[in-house]
Amino acid sequence: MTIYDFTVKDAKGNDVNLSDYKGKVLLIVNTATGCGFTPQYEGLQKLYDKYKDKGFEILDFPCNQFGNQAPGSNEEIVSFCTLNYGTTFKQFAKINVNGDDEAPLYTYLKSQKGGLLGSKIKWNFTKFIIDRDGNVVERCASAVTPEKLEKSIEALL
C-alpha cells in the first residue's frame, strides 16, 4: 500500500484519487481556522507559490478534533483561508485524524511516521512530507513552521 491507493473528498465533496499526485512532492497538513497555528497558512501559501511549478503540492485537511478550532463548513473554511491568507492550494473536506472515525489516509500516514509521541496526531498543523514516489519521508510537529520545511522540500524536488 502507498499513499496513491487512497481516495479522499475535496472541499466540495468530490472524490480525489491521490494517485493524481504521482510524481509530485506533497505536504499533507491537518489545519484549523481558529488555532494558534492558523497564521501558518501564510507560510504554507508562500511555500506553495515558490515551488508549485517545480512539482510541489500542499494537501490541506481541516480538522475539528482539537479544541473545536475548525467549526465551520467546508465552504466556510475555504472562504476563510482564501480571504484571510490568499490560499490557492488544494483544500479537502474536514476529517478526523485520530480515533474511531479517523480518515484511512491518516491511519496510513501515522503508520509510516509515528512521531515522538507515538502515532497519535497531537494537534492541528502536523505536517507530513511525501516524496515523488509516494513515500512518507518526514513528519513535523505543529510548531514547525512552513519556512523550516523549505530545505527538506527543496531536496526532494
Protein backbone atom coordinates (compact mmCIF):
# COMPACT_ATOMS: atom_id res chain seq x y z
CA MET A 1 0.00 0.00 0.00
CA THR A 2 1.13 3.53 -0.78
CA ILE A 3 -0.32 6.99 -0.44
CA TYR A 4 -1.54 6.64 -4.03
CA ASP A 5 -4.02 3.95 -3.00
CA PHE A 6 -6.24 6.44 -1.16
CA THR A 7 -9.26 8.36 -2.33
CA VAL A 8 -10.32 11.42 -0.32
CA LYS A 9 -13.07 14.03 -0.60
CA ASP A 10 -12.29 17.57 -1.69
CA ALA A 11 -13.96 20.58 -0.06
CA LYS A 12 -16.89 20.26 -2.47
CA GLY A 13 -17.42 16.57 -1.66
CA ASN A 14 -15.89 15.20 -4.86
CA ASP A 15 -13.69 12.11 -4.82
CA VAL A 16 -10.00 12.78 -5.42
CA ASN A 17 -7.62 9.88 -6.08
CA LEU A 18 -4.25 10.62 -4.53
CA SER A 19 -2.75 8.76 -7.50
CA ASP A 20 -3.44 12.06 -9.32
CA TYR A 21 -0.41 13.39 -7.42
CA LYS A 22 2.07 10.72 -8.57
CA GLY A 23 5.47 12.23 -9.28
CA LYS A 24 4.88 15.28 -7.06
CA VAL A 25 6.36 16.21 -3.70
CA LEU A 26 3.49 16.61 -1.24
CA LEU A 27 2.99 18.36 2.05
CA ILE A 28 -0.07 16.96 3.82
CA VAL A 29 -1.29 19.00 6.77
CA ASN A 30 -4.29 18.93 9.09
CA THR A 31 -5.41 22.51 9.68
CA ALA A 32 -7.85 24.67 11.61
CA THR A 33 -9.13 28.20 11.14
CA GLY A 34 -9.23 29.15 14.85
CA CYS A 35 -5.93 27.74 16.07
CA GLY A 36 -2.84 29.46 17.42
CA PHE A 37 -1.02 27.95 14.44
CA THR A 38 -3.56 29.25 11.87
CA PRO A 39 -1.17 32.04 10.75
CA GLN A 40 0.96 29.23 9.28
CA TYR A 41 -1.42 29.41 6.31
CA GLU A 42 0.62 32.43 5.19
CA GLY A 43 3.86 30.42 5.21
CA LEU A 44 2.18 27.47 3.53
CA GLN A 45 0.98 29.71 0.72
CA LYS A 46 4.47 31.20 0.29
CA LEU A 47 5.94 27.68 0.01
CA TYR A 48 3.28 26.73 -2.49
CA ASP A 49 3.86 29.83 -4.61
CA LYS A 50 7.61 29.24 -4.63
CA TYR A 51 7.58 25.54 -5.53
CA LYS A 52 4.26 24.69 -7.25
CA ASP A 53 5.81 25.00 -10.70
CA LYS A 54 8.53 22.51 -9.70
CA GLY A 55 6.14 19.70 -8.81
CA PHE A 56 5.11 20.61 -5.24
CA GLU A 57 1.57 20.36 -3.87
CA ILE A 58 0.01 21.08 -0.48
CA LEU A 59 -2.97 18.96 0.56
CA ASP A 60 -4.91 20.73 3.32
CA PHE A 61 -7.23 18.66 5.51
CA PRO A 62 -9.20 20.77 8.01
CA CYS A 63 -9.77 19.03 11.33
CA ASN A 64 -12.09 19.99 14.17
CA GLN A 65 -10.82 17.40 16.68
CA PHE A 66 -8.62 19.76 18.66
CA GLY A 67 -10.44 22.34 20.75
CA ASN A 68 -13.25 22.80 18.20
CA GLN A 69 -10.90 25.04 16.21
CA ALA A 70 -12.36 24.33 12.75
CA PRO A 71 -16.09 24.56 13.42
CA GLY A 72 -17.20 25.88 10.02
CA SER A 73 -18.49 24.04 7.00
CA ASN A 74 -16.06 23.06 4.26
CA GLU A 75 -17.25 26.05 2.25
CA GLU A 76 -16.76 28.44 5.19
CA ILE A 77 -13.25 27.11 5.81
CA VAL A 78 -12.24 27.55 2.15
CA SER A 79 -13.68 31.07 2.18
CA PHE A 80 -11.83 31.97 5.41
CA CYS A 81 -8.50 30.72 4.07
CA THR A 82 -8.92 32.40 0.69
CA LEU A 83 -9.99 35.75 2.12
CA ASN A 84 -7.55 35.91 5.04
CA TYR A 85 -4.48 34.16 3.64
CA GLY A 86 -4.99 34.09 -0.14
CA THR A 87 -4.63 30.32 -0.23
CA THR A 88 -4.66 28.67 -3.64
CA PHE A 89 -3.51 25.14 -2.75
CA LYS A 90 -5.94 22.22 -2.62
CA GLN A 91 -8.28 22.08 0.35
CA PHE A 92 -10.16 18.94 1.20
CA ALA A 93 -13.23 18.06 3.25
CA LYS A 94 -12.94 18.23 7.01
CA ILE A 95 -11.69 14.96 8.52
CA ASN A 96 -10.77 13.28 11.78
CA VAL A 97 -7.10 12.39 12.19
CA ASN A 98 -7.40 10.31 15.38
CA GLY A 99 -9.86 7.86 16.86
CA ASP A 100 -12.52 5.51 15.61
CA ASP A 101 -13.60 7.82 12.78
CA GLU A 102 -10.14 8.82 11.60
CA ALA A 103 -9.58 9.09 7.87
CA PRO A 104 -7.84 5.99 6.43
CA LEU A 105 -5.24 8.32 4.89
CA TYR A 106 -4.20 9.44 8.37
CA THR A 107 -4.13 5.89 9.68
CA TYR A 108 -1.63 5.19 6.91
CA LEU A 109 0.43 8.36 7.44
CA LYS A 110 0.74 7.68 11.15
CA SER A 111 1.74 4.06 10.50
CA GLN A 112 4.62 5.34 8.35
CA LYS A 113 5.88 8.07 10.69
CA GLY A 114 4.71 7.68 14.28
CA GLY A 115 6.31 10.80 15.68
CA LEU A 116 7.75 11.46 19.11
CA LEU A 117 4.52 10.79 20.97
CA GLY A 118 3.55 7.63 19.16
CA SER A 119 1.23 7.58 16.23
CA LYS A 120 -1.46 9.91 17.58
CA ILE A 121 -1.68 13.36 15.99
CA LYS A 122 -1.14 15.82 18.84
CA TRP A 123 -2.65 18.98 17.32
CA ASN A 124 -3.56 20.81 14.15
CA PHE A 125 -0.86 21.74 11.65
CA THR A 126 1.00 18.44 11.97
CA LYS A 127 2.78 18.05 8.64
CA PHE A 128 3.81 15.05 6.55
CA ILE A 129 6.25 15.37 3.65
CA ILE A 130 5.83 12.84 0.85
CA ASP A 131 8.46 12.26 -1.85
CA ARG A 132 7.80 11.90 -5.60
CA ASP A 133 7.45 8.13 -5.19
CA GLY A 134 4.73 8.42 -2.55
CA ASN A 135 6.94 7.62 0.44
CA VAL A 136 6.27 9.38 3.74
CA VAL A 137 9.71 10.81 4.45
CA GLU A 138 9.13 13.25 7.30
CA ARG A 139 6.62 14.14 10.00
CA CYS A 140 6.76 17.55 11.63
CA ALA A 141 5.02 18.81 14.74
CA SER A 142 2.60 21.73 14.71
CA ALA A 143 5.21 24.20 15.96
CA VAL A 144 7.48 23.51 12.97
CA THR A 145 6.75 26.42 10.66
CA PRO A 146 6.42 26.03 6.90
CA GLU A 147 9.61 28.05 6.47
CA LYS A 148 11.55 25.38 8.36
CA LEU A 149 10.38 22.76 5.83
CA GLU A 150 11.84 24.53 2.82
CA LYS A 151 15.20 22.71 2.78
CA SER A 152 13.53 19.30 3.01
CA ILE A 153 11.13 20.18 0.20
CA GLU A 154 13.91 21.59 -1.99
CA ALA A 155 15.97 18.43 -1.53
CA LEU A 156 13.07 16.28 -2.75
CA LEU A 157 12.30 18.49 -5.74
